[in-house]
Amino acid sequence: MRPFALSRRLALAGGLALTLGLAAAAQAADLRVGFMPGPYRDAFTKGIEPQLAKLGYTVKYVEFSQGVQPNDAVERGQIDANIFQHTLYLNATNQQQNFDLVPIVHVPTPPMGLYSQRHKSLASVPDGATVTLPADPVNAARALNILAAIGWVQLKTGVNPLSVSERDISSNPKRLKLVPLDAAQAPRSLADADLAAVQGNFAVASGLKLTEALKLEDMTLPYVNVVAVKRGNENAKFAKDIVAAYQSAEFQRVFLANPVWAGYRLPDYFSK
């Protein structure tokens, strides 16, 4: 073979190898996902990340301590997605902070519940009891709905869940003392209050069991948590791959096989 032909063939082979290498590199990507304390990272690690790894993703986990931070990070492009909130909270922060985030898939979610260290049943809770509940209006509405379901308060008709407050209580026959506080502090408040309305993720993160709640909410779809991304990314490949992983039979098998996750509200795509 002539030297020129050999060198050309080697050059072509090298170019092909470089092209294949670039193609392989393009398939792999860092995926930055944000979480608050709670069960969502654990479920993602065990049921979602293995599927994404097969597609070439490397997942980078980012932890936050305050509710607005994960949304701010998605809005700024510091992370690609977050998993910690339901759609009502997402819509509220979009309005209040001028964010533009959208949900792409529901995820298994532990319900909010009433917990107590002082009382073993609802019947033993005295009139005038102190109840802590989330300070943000959306989750305060959830807590008040639990209290209304057991007949301890009544709410005005047509209450807006994005702006509900104690002013929307029309009757408080049990004379409850309602104390709003940051939702993440609810488990700690059990040492001082008769009852605490604790969001499911904070209950799980603090070691409370859903089965220990004196009352769990009847969780409807708007309160089932979601994966959120910045608008414009909902059709990106990484977003579609996350959705497919959550809706897969593999994730359902992993989730349902773990007794720690018993009692969660399951998304509608789970097999019945």
Protein backbone atom coordinates (compact mmCIF):
# COMPACT_ATOMS: atom_id res chain seq x y z
CA MET A 1 0.00 0.00 0.00
CA ARG A 2 1.33 3.41 -0.89
CA PRO A 3 2.30 5.67 2.07
CA PHE A 4 -0.23 8.34 1.00
CA ALA A 5 -3.12 5.84 0.89
CA LEU A 6 -2.13 4.38 4.26
CA SER A 7 -1.91 7.79 5.92
CA ARG A 8 -5.25 8.80 4.45
CA ARG A 9 -6.85 5.63 5.75
CA LEU A 10 -5.38 6.21 9.19
CA ALA A 11 -6.66 9.78 9.13
CA LEU A 12 -10.14 8.61 8.19
CA ALA A 13 -10.07 6.00 10.94
CA GLY A 14 -8.93 8.60 13.42
CA GLY A 15 -11.68 10.97 12.32
CA LEU A 16 -14.27 8.21 12.69
CA ALA A 17 -13.00 7.39 16.17
CA LEU A 18 -13.15 11.07 17.13
CA THR A 19 -16.70 11.32 15.77
CA LEU A 20 -17.79 8.24 17.71
CA GLY A 21 -16.10 9.58 20.83
CA LEU A 22 -17.91 12.90 20.53
CA ALA A 23 -21.21 11.10 19.96
CA ALA A 24 -20.68 9.01 23.09
CA ALA A 25 -19.78 12.11 25.07
CA ALA A 26 -22.89 13.87 23.80
CA GLN A 27 -25.06 11.04 25.12
CA ALA A 28 -23.67 11.40 28.62
CA ALA A 29 -24.71 14.41 30.68
CA ASP A 30 -24.68 15.72 34.20
CA LEU A 31 -28.22 16.00 35.54
CA ARG A 32 -28.55 18.34 38.51
CA VAL A 33 -31.60 17.63 40.65
CA GLY A 34 -32.66 19.55 43.76
CA PHE A 35 -34.35 18.19 46.89
CA MET A 36 -35.59 19.31 50.29
CA PRO A 37 -35.27 17.04 53.35
CA GLY A 38 -37.57 14.08 52.96
CA PRO A 39 -38.15 10.88 51.03
CA TYR A 40 -37.96 12.06 47.44
CA ARG A 41 -34.21 11.83 47.05
CA ASP A 42 -34.22 8.29 48.44
CA ALA A 43 -36.89 7.17 45.97
CA PHE A 44 -35.03 8.89 43.13
CA THR A 45 -31.73 7.27 44.11
CA LYS A 46 -33.15 3.77 44.30
CA GLY A 47 -35.73 3.79 41.54
CA ILE A 48 -34.86 6.52 39.03
CA GLU A 49 -31.09 7.08 38.96
CA PRO A 50 -30.28 3.47 37.93
CA GLN A 51 -32.48 3.90 34.87
CA LEU A 52 -30.95 7.27 33.99
CA ALA A 53 -27.44 5.87 34.45
CA LYS A 54 -28.16 3.33 31.71
CA LEU A 55 -28.91 6.26 29.41
CA GLY A 56 -25.58 7.91 30.17
CA TYR A 57 -26.61 10.46 32.81
CA THR A 58 -24.58 11.29 35.89
CA VAL A 59 -26.90 12.61 38.60
CA LYS A 60 -25.73 15.46 40.83
CA TYR A 61 -27.83 15.86 43.99
CA VAL A 62 -28.34 19.33 45.45
CA GLU A 63 -29.92 19.74 48.90
CA PHE A 64 -31.86 22.82 50.02
CA SER A 65 -33.25 23.88 53.40
CA GLN A 66 -35.94 26.43 52.50
CA GLY A 67 -38.94 25.98 50.22
CA VAL A 68 -38.31 28.74 47.68
CA GLN A 69 -34.62 27.87 47.14
CA PRO A 70 -35.08 24.83 44.86
CA ASN A 71 -37.41 26.80 42.58
CA ASP A 72 -35.04 29.75 42.46
CA ALA A 73 -32.21 27.39 41.49
CA VAL A 74 -34.26 25.91 38.62
CA GLU A 75 -35.31 29.38 37.47
CA ARG A 76 -31.66 30.51 37.38
CA GLY A 77 -30.49 27.36 35.61
CA GLN A 78 -28.33 26.25 38.54
CA ILE A 79 -30.14 22.90 38.60
CA ASP A 80 -32.19 21.13 35.92
CA ALA A 81 -35.14 19.95 38.01
CA ASN A 82 -36.42 19.72 41.56
CA ILE A 83 -38.63 17.28 43.44
CA PHE A 84 -40.25 18.58 46.62
CA GLN A 85 -43.55 20.38 45.95
CA HIS A 86 -47.12 20.01 44.75
CA THR A 87 -48.62 22.02 41.90
CA LEU A 88 -50.48 24.49 44.12
CA TYR A 89 -47.24 25.47 45.88
CA LEU A 90 -45.46 25.62 42.52
CA ASN A 91 -48.14 27.91 41.09
CA ALA A 92 -48.03 30.12 44.18
CA THR A 93 -44.27 30.62 44.02
CA ASN A 94 -44.46 31.23 40.28
CA GLN A 95 -46.88 34.08 40.99
CA GLN A 96 -45.09 35.48 44.01
CA GLN A 97 -41.51 35.23 42.71
CA ASN A 98 -42.21 35.68 38.98
CA PHE A 99 -40.78 32.23 38.25
CA ASP A 100 -41.78 30.25 35.17
CA LEU A 101 -41.58 26.58 36.20
CA VAL A 102 -43.82 23.73 35.08
CA PRO A 103 -44.56 20.22 36.43
CA ILE A 104 -43.71 17.24 34.23
CA VAL A 105 -44.75 14.18 36.27
CA HIS A 106 -46.33 13.33 39.62
CA VAL A 107 -44.33 11.32 42.18
CA PRO A 108 -45.37 9.16 45.17
CA THR A 109 -46.11 11.54 48.06
CA PRO A 110 -46.58 11.04 51.82
CA PRO A 111 -49.72 12.85 53.05
CA MET A 112 -49.78 15.65 55.61
CA GLY A 113 -50.91 14.47 59.02
CA LEU A 114 -51.72 15.51 62.57
CA TYR A 115 -49.11 14.22 65.02
CA SER A 116 -48.79 14.43 68.78
CA GLN A 117 -46.39 13.43 71.54
CA ARG A 118 -48.92 14.26 74.26
CA HIS A 119 -52.05 12.52 73.03
CA LYS A 120 -52.66 9.01 71.76
CA SER A 121 -55.95 9.72 69.98
CA LEU A 122 -58.03 12.59 68.68
CA ALA A 123 -60.59 11.91 71.40
CA SER A 124 -58.03 12.70 74.11
CA VAL A 125 -57.15 16.16 72.72
CA PRO A 126 -58.72 18.79 75.02
CA ASP A 127 -60.55 21.96 74.07
CA GLY A 128 -58.18 24.88 73.78
CA ALA A 129 -55.37 22.68 72.45
CA THR A 130 -52.41 24.29 70.69
CA VAL A 131 -51.97 23.23 67.06
CA THR A 132 -49.01 24.27 64.91
CA LEU A 133 -49.53 24.46 61.17
CA PRO A 134 -47.54 25.64 58.14
CA ALA A 135 -47.32 29.38 57.75
CA ASP A 136 -47.50 29.41 53.94
CA PRO A 137 -51.13 29.74 52.77
CA VAL A 138 -51.19 26.71 50.46
CA ASN A 139 -50.11 24.23 53.12
CA ALA A 140 -52.04 26.05 55.84
CA ALA A 141 -55.13 25.29 53.77
CA ARG A 142 -54.26 21.59 53.85
CA ALA A 143 -53.90 21.66 57.63
CA LEU A 144 -57.16 23.53 58.10
CA ASN A 145 -58.93 21.06 55.83
CA ILE A 146 -57.75 18.21 58.07
CA LEU A 147 -59.11 20.04 61.13
CA ALA A 148 -62.35 20.71 59.26
CA ALA A 149 -62.66 17.03 58.30
CA ILE A 150 -62.72 16.03 61.97
CA GLY A 151 -65.15 18.81 62.86
CA TRP A 152 -62.80 20.96 64.90
CA VAL A 153 -63.09 24.03 62.66
CA GLN A 154 -65.31 25.21 59.84
CA LEU A 155 -64.07 27.19 56.85
CA LYS A 156 -65.90 29.82 54.86
CA THR A 157 -67.22 28.64 51.52
CA GLY A 158 -65.19 29.43 48.40
CA VAL A 159 -61.87 29.80 50.23
CA ASN A 160 -58.93 30.40 47.87
CA PRO A 161 -56.24 27.80 48.75
CA LEU A 162 -53.53 30.21 47.58
CA SER A 163 -54.40 32.83 50.19
CA VAL A 164 -56.16 31.01 53.04
CA SER A 165 -55.51 32.11 56.62
CA GLU A 166 -57.10 31.98 60.06
CA ARG A 167 -59.43 34.76 58.88
CA ASP A 168 -61.14 32.16 56.68
CA ILE A 169 -62.26 30.13 59.72
CA SER A 170 -65.96 30.68 60.28
CA SER A 171 -66.21 28.53 63.42
CA ASN A 172 -63.73 27.13 65.97
CA PRO A 173 -65.92 25.12 68.38
CA LYS A 174 -62.93 23.41 70.01
CA ARG A 175 -61.29 26.78 70.65
CA LEU A 176 -58.03 25.63 69.11
CA LYS A 177 -54.99 27.89 69.41
CA LEU A 178 -53.48 27.86 65.92
CA VAL A 179 -49.78 28.72 65.66
CA PRO A 180 -48.32 29.24 62.14
CA LEU A 181 -44.64 28.43 61.68
CA ASP A 182 -42.18 27.42 59.00
CA ALA A 183 -43.24 24.00 57.72
CA ALA A 184 -39.80 22.50 58.29
CA GLN A 185 -40.05 23.32 62.00
CA ALA A 186 -43.32 21.42 62.52
CA PRO A 187 -41.76 18.16 63.80
CA ARG A 188 -39.77 20.08 66.44
CA SER A 189 -42.90 21.86 67.60
CA LEU A 190 -44.29 18.55 68.89
CA ALA A 191 -42.31 19.07 72.10
CA ASP A 192 -44.34 22.18 72.93
CA ALA A 193 -47.69 21.84 71.14
CA ASP A 194 -50.59 19.47 71.61
CA LEU A 195 -50.67 18.73 67.89
CA ALA A 196 -48.67 19.58 64.80
CA ALA A 197 -49.82 19.46 61.20
CA VAL A 198 -46.71 18.06 59.52
CA GLN A 199 -46.17 17.80 55.78
CA GLY A 200 -45.37 14.26 54.75
CA ASN A 201 -41.82 14.90 53.57
CA PHE A 202 -40.86 16.59 56.84
CA ALA A 203 -42.57 13.85 58.85
CA VAL A 204 -40.58 11.15 57.07
CA ALA A 205 -37.34 13.13 57.30
CA SER A 206 -37.75 13.54 61.06
CA GLY A 207 -38.48 9.85 61.67
CA LEU A 208 -42.24 10.12 62.14
CA LYS A 209 -44.22 7.23 60.67
CA LEU A 210 -47.32 7.87 58.61
CA THR A 211 -49.02 5.12 60.61
CA GLU A 212 -48.40 7.14 63.81
CA ALA A 213 -50.46 10.14 62.67
CA LEU A 214 -53.68 10.73 64.56
CA LYS A 215 -55.19 11.81 61.25
CA LEU A 216 -53.89 11.83 57.67
CA GLU A 217 -55.26 14.11 55.00
CA ASP A 218 -57.37 12.73 52.18
CA MET A 219 -54.80 13.78 49.60
CA THR A 220 -56.21 14.96 46.28
CA LEU A 221 -54.24 15.29 43.06
CA PRO A 222 -53.24 18.99 43.36
CA TYR A 223 -51.31 18.08 46.52
CA VAL A 224 -49.42 15.14 45.01
CA ASN A 225 -45.84 16.26 44.46
CA VAL A 226 -44.23 16.76 41.09
CA VAL A 227 -40.95 17.02 39.26
CA ALA A 228 -40.59 20.66 38.18
CA VAL A 229 -38.45 22.15 35.40
CA LYS A 230 -38.12 25.56 33.81
CA ARG A 231 -40.67 26.23 31.09
CA GLY A 232 -39.12 25.37 27.74
CA ASN A 233 -37.39 22.31 29.17
CA GLU A 234 -40.52 20.19 29.60
CA ASN A 235 -39.88 18.60 26.19
CA ALA A 236 -36.10 18.34 26.60
CA LYS A 237 -34.64 14.85 26.43
CA PHE A 238 -33.62 14.82 30.10
CA ALA A 239 -37.18 15.74 31.13
CA LYS A 240 -38.72 13.04 28.97
CA ASP A 241 -36.23 10.50 30.33
CA ILE A 242 -37.15 11.42 33.92
CA VAL A 243 -40.87 11.06 33.14
CA ALA A 244 -40.33 7.68 31.47
CA ALA A 245 -38.32 6.44 34.46
CA TYR A 246 -41.03 7.40 36.97
CA GLN A 247 -43.78 5.86 34.84
CA SER A 248 -41.84 2.64 34.27
CA ALA A 249 -42.79 -0.75 35.67
CA GLU A 250 -39.30 -0.93 37.17
CA PHE A 251 -39.84 2.12 39.38
CA GLN A 252 -43.24 0.86 40.50
CA ARG A 253 -41.72 -2.48 41.43
CA VAL A 254 -38.92 -0.85 43.45
CA PHE A 255 -41.27 1.54 45.22
CA LEU A 256 -43.98 -0.93 46.13
CA ALA A 257 -41.44 -3.47 47.39
CA ASN A 258 -40.14 -1.10 50.10
CA PRO A 259 -42.28 -1.17 53.28
CA VAL A 260 -40.82 2.18 54.36
CA TRP A 261 -42.95 3.82 51.67
CA ALA A 262 -46.25 2.28 52.76
CA GLY A 263 -49.07 4.79 53.09
CA TYR A 264 -47.94 7.11 50.31
CA ARG A 265 -50.41 8.64 47.88
CA LEU A 266 -49.48 7.02 44.57
CA PRO A 267 -49.72 8.81 41.21
CA ASP A 268 -52.48 7.73 38.88
CA TYR A 269 -50.04 6.03 36.49
CA PHE A 270 -49.26 3.35 39.11
CA SER A 271 -50.85 0.00 38.28
CA LYS A 272 -53.97 -0.56 40.34
